[in-house]
Structure formats: structure tokens, C-alpha cells
């Protein structure tokens, strides 16, 4: 993972409108999951099924204050797999 939004370890004052990752090679994501203080976060619009370097997901519901963890896994056109994750904290 080259970049994420929110950045790993960030403390936010308000919930992000979208969650993004930028990768160093195009991947088709097989997993993009978000968990928080109330369990798994439902996601609306995602780019999970697209072979791309940049992927995004829009939280479908309200995000409450607390720590969130994003985990992702994907497959490149060559068949190699990559995985990673990051965390952020929502203050309010």
C-alpha cells in the first residue's frame, strides 16, 4: 500500500466520507472490510471488483467515535496476492 485515507494512525474529528487505498500495482480486491467499535461497518459504493491501483469504499451508515481497522486483500493480473490494513480513530 502506497497511501491510504485516512492515513494509518490518524485521529479524525469527523467521520470520513470515503475510505481509500492506493497500491503500487493494480489489484482486484477480494476483501475490503472495515470494523469499528460496533462491529463490521456496512459499505455502500466500492471499487472492490475493479482491477485498479486506487480503491475506495463509502461507509453506508453512521460511524460512531472509536477505533476503526481496515483490512484488504487483492490479486494482481499475474495472479500474485497482496494484503494489508490500517487503523484510524474517530474522536467525535
Protein backbone atom coordinates (compact mmCIF):
# COMPACT_ATOMS: atom_id res chain seq x y z
CA UNK A 1 0.00 0.00 0.00
CA UNK A 2 1.43 3.34 -1.06
CA UNK A 3 -1.17 5.62 0.52
CA UNK A 4 -4.41 5.49 2.47
CA UNK A 5 -7.13 7.86 3.54
CA UNK A 6 -7.45 8.30 6.36
CA UNK A 7 -3.74 7.78 6.95
CA UNK A 8 -2.69 4.98 9.27
CA UNK A 9 -2.89 6.12 12.90
CA UNK A 10 -4.80 9.33 12.14
CA UNK A 11 -7.21 10.85 14.67
CA UNK A 12 -10.20 12.43 12.93
CA UNK A 13 -12.68 14.95 14.29
CA UNK A 14 -15.40 13.82 11.87
CA UNK A 15 -16.18 10.61 10.01
CA UNK A 16 -14.59 10.27 6.56
CA UNK A 17 -16.94 10.39 3.58
CA UNK A 18 -14.89 7.68 1.88
CA UNK A 19 -12.03 5.30 2.68
CA UNK A 20 -9.30 4.88 0.07
CA UNK A 21 -6.13 2.93 -0.57
CA UNK A 22 -3.58 3.45 -3.33
CA UNK A 23 -1.42 0.49 -4.26
CA UNK A 24 1.86 0.16 -6.15
CA UNK A 25 0.27 -2.18 -8.73
CA UNK A 26 -3.26 -2.78 -9.99
CA UNK A 27 -5.17 -5.33 -7.89
CA UNK A 28 -8.68 -6.73 -7.94
CA UNK A 29 -9.70 -6.65 -4.28
CA UNK A 30 -11.14 -9.84 -2.86
CA UNK A 31 -11.60 -8.24 0.56
CA UNK A 32 -12.12 -4.67 1.78
CA UNK A 33 -13.53 -4.78 5.29
CA UNK A 34 -13.95 -2.13 7.96
CA UNK A 35 -14.51 -2.89 11.64
CA UNK A 36 -15.16 -0.42 14.43
CA UNK A 37 -16.49 -0.12 17.97
CA UNK A 38 -19.89 -1.51 16.93
CA UNK A 39 -18.54 -4.37 14.77
CA UNK A 40 -18.36 -4.52 10.97
CA UNK A 41 -19.14 -1.31 9.10
CA UNK A 42 -21.53 -1.71 6.19
CA UNK A 43 -20.09 -0.30 2.97
CA UNK A 44 -22.08 1.22 0.15
CA UNK A 45 -20.33 2.13 -3.08
CA UNK A 46 -16.98 0.32 -3.52
CA UNK A 47 -14.44 -0.33 -6.28
CA UNK A 48 -13.70 -3.81 -4.96
CA UNK A 49 -14.33 -5.73 -8.23
CA UNK A 50 -12.20 -3.42 -10.40
CA UNK A 51 -8.56 -4.10 -11.33
CA UNK A 52 -7.01 -0.79 -10.24
CA UNK A 53 -4.25 0.88 -8.23
CA UNK A 54 -6.73 3.06 -6.30
CA UNK A 55 -9.71 1.62 -4.45
CA UNK A 56 -12.38 3.35 -2.41
CA UNK A 57 -15.35 2.48 -0.25
CA UNK A 58 -18.11 4.67 1.11
CA UNK A 59 -19.44 3.87 4.60
CA UNK A 60 -23.19 3.21 4.27
CA UNK A 61 -24.14 4.19 7.80
CA UNK A 62 -23.14 6.41 10.68
CA UNK A 63 -19.68 5.87 12.16
CA UNK A 64 -19.53 6.31 15.94
CA UNK A 65 -16.45 7.53 17.86
CA UNK A 66 -13.76 4.93 18.43
CA UNK A 67 -11.02 2.98 16.66
CA UNK A 68 -11.52 1.59 13.16
CA UNK A 69 -9.50 -1.02 11.30
CA UNK A 70 -9.48 -1.52 7.54
CA UNK A 71 -8.18 -4.79 6.10
CA UNK A 72 -7.78 -5.52 2.41
CA UNK A 73 -6.59 -8.35 0.20
CA UNK A 74 -6.28 -8.49 -3.57
CA UNK A 75 -4.98 -10.33 -6.60
CA UNK A 76 -2.91 -8.85 -9.43
CA UNK A 77 -3.40 -9.75 -13.11
CA UNK A 78 -0.32 -12.00 -12.77
CA UNK A 79 -2.04 -13.99 -10.01
CA UNK A 80 0.11 -12.75 -7.13
CA UNK A 81 -1.72 -11.72 -3.97
CA UNK A 82 -1.16 -8.83 -1.58
CA UNK A 83 -2.79 -7.86 1.69
CA UNK A 84 -2.61 -5.13 4.28
CA UNK A 85 -4.50 -2.88 6.59
CA UNK A 86 -4.52 0.31 8.57
CA UNK A 87 -6.23 1.94 11.54
CA UNK A 88 -7.67 5.33 12.39
CA UNK A 89 -9.57 6.81 15.30
CA UNK A 90 -12.76 8.84 15.13
CA UNK A 91 -12.83 11.31 18.01
CA UNK A 92 -16.42 12.68 17.79
